Amino acid sequence: MAIKKTITIDGIEIPFKASATLPRLYRAKFRKDIFKDFTALKTSVDENDEQESWLDIDSLEVFENIAWTMAKHADPQNVPDNPDDWLEQFNTFSIYEVLPQLFELWGLNLETQAESKKSLARLTAK
């Protein structure tokens, strides 16, 4: 089951979506594991603070790639086919305002998948 959330970025309402398809879409586009990237990004954000704004360039790129993938997943017809074109619609915005909402969306998706596995196990138990 997919989870959707609309997040306002730079005054623009952007739909985002997380589902079991998201890791596959991310891997197909970036040749990377979204689980590892999300974990590394969370660690990087936790080690820094918004006032310092000291995220390394790799973390910023991971954030942009994940955000673009979730937006593309939610609205494939209206989101450009690459992150650079998608980012062009925004002025500078704080990653610290958007990222917690993407973490929340991702977490809700993971909880939904865990519940589905539990239900399946109950149905198939002998």
C-alpha atoms as a PDB file:
ATOM      1  CA  MET A   1       0.000   0.000   0.000  1.00  0.00           C
ATOM      2  CA  ALA A   2       1.402   3.367  -1.000  1.00  0.00           C
ATOM      3  CA  ILE A   3       1.607   6.294   1.393  1.00  0.00           C
ATOM      4  CA  LYS A   4       1.244   9.825  -0.010  1.00  0.00           C
ATOM      5  CA  LYS A   5       1.961  13.207   1.508  1.00  0.00           C
ATOM      6  CA  THR A   6       1.915  16.735   0.136  1.00  0.00           C
ATOM      7  CA  ILE A   7       4.781  18.945   1.323  1.00  0.00           C
ATOM      8  CA  THR A   8       5.067  22.657   0.663  1.00  0.00           C
ATOM      9  CA  ILE A   9       8.492  23.596  -0.692  1.00  0.00           C
ATOM     10  CA  ASP A  10       9.216  27.216  -1.488  1.00  0.00           C
ATOM     11  CA  GLY A  11       5.467  27.917  -1.553  1.00  0.00           C
ATOM     12  CA  ILE A  12       4.718  25.074  -3.989  1.00  0.00           C
ATOM     13  CA  GLU A  13       2.675  22.056  -2.905  1.00  0.00           C
ATOM     14  CA  ILE A  14       4.536  18.933  -4.003  1.00  0.00           C
ATOM     15  CA  PRO A  15       3.051  15.425  -3.696  1.00  0.00           C
ATOM     16  CA  PHE A  16       5.424  12.692  -2.514  1.00  0.00           C
ATOM     17  CA  LYS A  17       4.816   8.955  -2.443  1.00  0.00           C
ATOM     18  CA  ALA A  18       6.460   5.981  -0.758  1.00  0.00           C
ATOM     19  CA  SER A  19       5.664   2.361  -1.547  1.00  0.00           C
ATOM     20  CA  ALA A  20       7.400  -0.954  -2.082  1.00  0.00           C
ATOM     21  CA  THR A  21       8.258   0.294  -5.581  1.00  0.00           C
ATOM     22  CA  LEU A  22      10.374   3.193  -4.327  1.00  0.00           C
ATOM     23  CA  PRO A  23      13.618   1.235  -3.683  1.00  0.00           C
ATOM     24  CA  ARG A  24      13.410  -0.243  -7.189  1.00  0.00           C
ATOM     25  CA  LEU A  25      12.819   3.157  -8.822  1.00  0.00           C
ATOM     26  CA  TYR A  26      15.706   4.671  -6.867  1.00  0.00           C
ATOM     27  CA  ARG A  27      18.044   1.785  -7.721  1.00  0.00           C
ATOM     28  CA  ALA A  28      17.100   1.937 -11.422  1.00  0.00           C
ATOM     29  CA  LYS A  29      17.801   5.671 -11.631  1.00  0.00           C
ATOM     30  CA  PHE A  30      20.818   6.093  -9.324  1.00  0.00           C
ATOM     31  CA  ARG A  31      22.288   2.570  -9.052  1.00  0.00           C
ATOM     32  CA  LYS A  32      22.257   2.928  -5.267  1.00  0.00           C
ATOM     33  CA  ASP A  33      20.416   1.388  -2.319  1.00  0.00           C
ATOM     34  CA  ILE A  34      17.805   3.788  -0.889  1.00  0.00           C
ATOM     35  CA  PHE A  35      17.874   1.994   2.479  1.00  0.00           C
ATOM     36  CA  LYS A  36      21.598   2.659   2.889  1.00  0.00           C
ATOM     37  CA  ASP A  37      21.286   6.208   1.572  1.00  0.00           C
ATOM     38  CA  PHE A  38      18.379   7.058   3.897  1.00  0.00           C
ATOM     39  CA  THR A  39      20.316   5.672   6.877  1.00  0.00           C
ATOM     40  CA  ALA A  40      23.480   7.600   5.985  1.00  0.00           C
ATOM     41  CA  LEU A  41      21.460  10.771   5.397  1.00  0.00           C
ATOM     42  CA  LYS A  42      19.690  10.433   8.749  1.00  0.00           C
ATOM     43  CA  THR A  43      23.054   9.976  10.484  1.00  0.00           C
ATOM     44  CA  SER A  44      24.491  13.002   8.715  1.00  0.00           C
ATOM     45  CA  VAL A  45      21.514  15.197   9.638  1.00  0.00           C
ATOM     46  CA  ASP A  46      21.548  13.999  13.258  1.00  0.00           C
ATOM     47  CA  GLU A  47      25.241  14.891  13.539  1.00  0.00           C
ATOM     48  CA  ASN A  48      24.702  18.416  12.228  1.00  0.00           C
ATOM     49  CA  ASP A  49      22.368  21.220  13.090  1.00  0.00           C
ATOM     50  CA  GLU A  50      20.204  23.548  11.084  1.00  0.00           C
ATOM     51  CA  GLN A  51      21.962  26.689  12.327  1.00  0.00           C
ATOM     52  CA  GLU A  52      25.357  25.416  11.170  1.00  0.00           C
ATOM     53  CA  SER A  53      23.984  23.998   7.894  1.00  0.00           C
ATOM     54  CA  TRP A  54      27.068  21.849   7.499  1.00  0.00           C
ATOM     55  CA  LEU A  55      25.790  18.898   5.524  1.00  0.00           C
ATOM     56  CA  ASP A  56      28.376  17.565   3.127  1.00  0.00           C
ATOM     57  CA  ILE A  57      27.732  17.693  -0.609  1.00  0.00           C
ATOM     58  CA  ASP A  58      27.124  13.934  -0.800  1.00  0.00           C
ATOM     59  CA  SER A  59      24.336  14.175   1.789  1.00  0.00           C
ATOM     60  CA  LEU A  60      22.727  17.056  -0.074  1.00  0.00           C
ATOM     61  CA  GLU A  61      22.811  15.073  -3.301  1.00  0.00           C
ATOM     62  CA  VAL A  62      21.276  12.032  -1.606  1.00  0.00           C
ATOM     63  CA  PHE A  63      18.499  14.252  -0.201  1.00  0.00           C
ATOM     64  CA  GLU A  64      17.813  15.726  -3.646  1.00  0.00           C
ATOM     65  CA  ASN A  65      17.779  12.296  -5.285  1.00  0.00           C
ATOM     66  CA  ILE A  66      15.456  10.770  -2.698  1.00  0.00           C
ATOM     67  CA  ALA A  67      13.106  13.769  -2.770  1.00  0.00           C
ATOM     68  CA  TRP A  68      12.993  13.721  -6.576  1.00  0.00           C
ATOM     69  CA  THR A  69      12.326   9.958  -6.655  1.00  0.00           C
ATOM     70  CA  MET A  70       9.465  10.277  -4.157  1.00  0.00           C
ATOM     71  CA  ALA A  71       7.993  13.204  -6.113  1.00  0.00           C
ATOM     72  CA  LYS A  72       8.365  11.396  -9.450  1.00  0.00           C
ATOM     73  CA  HIS A  73       6.726   8.317  -7.923  1.00  0.00           C
ATOM     74  CA  ALA A  74       3.768  10.459  -6.772  1.00  0.00           C
ATOM     75  CA  ASP A  75       3.310  12.446  -9.988  1.00  0.00           C
ATOM     76  CA  PRO A  76       5.175  10.862 -12.932  1.00  0.00           C
ATOM     77  CA  GLN A  77       3.522  13.019 -15.617  1.00  0.00           C
ATOM     78  CA  ASN A  78       4.372  16.376 -14.033  1.00  0.00           C
ATOM     79  CA  VAL A  79       7.813  15.746 -12.536  1.00  0.00           C
ATOM     80  CA  PRO A  80      10.725  16.086 -14.987  1.00  0.00           C
ATOM     81  CA  ASP A  81      12.801  13.021 -15.799  1.00  0.00           C
ATOM     82  CA  ASN A  82      15.864  14.223 -13.905  1.00  0.00           C
ATOM     83  CA  PRO A  83      16.426  15.840 -10.505  1.00  0.00           C
ATOM     84  CA  ASP A  84      18.201  18.920 -11.897  1.00  0.00           C
ATOM     85  CA  ASP A  85      15.188  19.980 -13.951  1.00  0.00           C
ATOM     86  CA  TRP A  86      12.866  19.308 -11.013  1.00  0.00           C
ATOM     87  CA  LEU A  87      14.996  21.385  -8.623  1.00  0.00           C
ATOM     88  CA  GLU A  88      14.954  24.330 -11.061  1.00  0.00           C
ATOM     89  CA  GLN A  89      11.392  25.183  -9.984  1.00  0.00           C
ATOM     90  CA  PHE A  90      12.520  26.074  -6.453  1.00  0.00           C
ATOM     91  CA  ASN A  91      14.500  28.885  -4.900  1.00  0.00           C
ATOM     92  CA  THR A  92      16.840  27.911  -2.095  1.00  0.00           C
ATOM     93  CA  PHE A  93      14.998  26.156   0.743  1.00  0.00           C
ATOM     94  CA  SER A  94      15.961  24.503   4.009  1.00  0.00           C
ATOM     95  CA  ILE A  95      16.591  20.782   3.849  1.00  0.00           C
ATOM     96  CA  TYR A  96      15.788  20.745   7.578  1.00  0.00           C
ATOM     97  CA  GLU A  97      12.172  21.739   6.869  1.00  0.00           C
ATOM     98  CA  VAL A  98      11.554  19.123   4.172  1.00  0.00           C
ATOM     99  CA  LEU A  99      13.696  16.172   5.201  1.00  0.00           C
ATOM    100  CA  PRO A 100      11.890  15.340   8.476  1.00  0.00           C
ATOM    101  CA  GLN A 101       8.664  15.045   6.509  1.00  0.00           C
ATOM    102  CA  LEU A 102      10.314  12.690   3.993  1.00  0.00           C
ATOM    103  CA  PHE A 103      11.716  10.626   6.900  1.00  0.00           C
ATOM    104  CA  GLU A 104       8.195  10.439   8.327  1.00  0.00           C
ATOM    105  CA  LEU A 105       6.731   9.344   4.983  1.00  0.00           C
ATOM    106  CA  TRP A 106       9.432   6.699   4.553  1.00  0.00           C
ATOM    107  CA  GLY A 107       8.892   5.463   8.114  1.00  0.00           C
ATOM    108  CA  LEU A 108       5.134   5.153   7.606  1.00  0.00           C
ATOM    109  CA  ASN A 109       5.789   3.150   4.454  1.00  0.00           C
ATOM    110  CA  LEU A 110       8.136   0.788   6.290  1.00  0.00           C
ATOM    111  CA  GLU A 111       5.572   0.297   9.081  1.00  0.00           C
ATOM    112  CA  THR A 112       2.907  -0.537   6.498  1.00  0.00           C
ATOM    113  CA  GLN A 113       5.198  -3.118   4.894  1.00  0.00           C
ATOM    114  CA  ALA A 114       5.970  -4.688   8.285  1.00  0.00           C
ATOM    115  CA  GLU A 115       2.242  -4.957   9.081  1.00  0.00           C
ATOM    116  CA  SER A 116       1.603  -6.582   5.683  1.00  0.00           C
ATOM    117  CA  LYS A 117       4.249  -9.224   6.386  1.00  0.00           C
ATOM    118  CA  LYS A 118       2.703  -9.973   9.802  1.00  0.00           C
ATOM    119  CA  SER A 119      -0.739 -10.354   8.231  1.00  0.00           C
ATOM    120  CA  LEU A 120       0.632 -12.634   5.539  1.00  0.00           C
ATOM    121  CA  ALA A 121       2.365 -14.779   8.166  1.00  0.00           C
ATOM    122  CA  ARG A 122      -0.918 -15.160  10.071  1.00  0.00           C
ATOM    123  CA  LEU A 123      -2.763 -16.139   6.900  1.00  0.00           C
ATOM    124  CA  THR A 124      -0.173 -18.717   5.867  1.00  0.00           C
ATOM    125  CA  ALA A 125       0.455 -20.178   9.351  1.00  0.00           C
ATOM    126  CA  LYS A 126      -0.508 -23.801   9.784  1.00  0.00           C
END
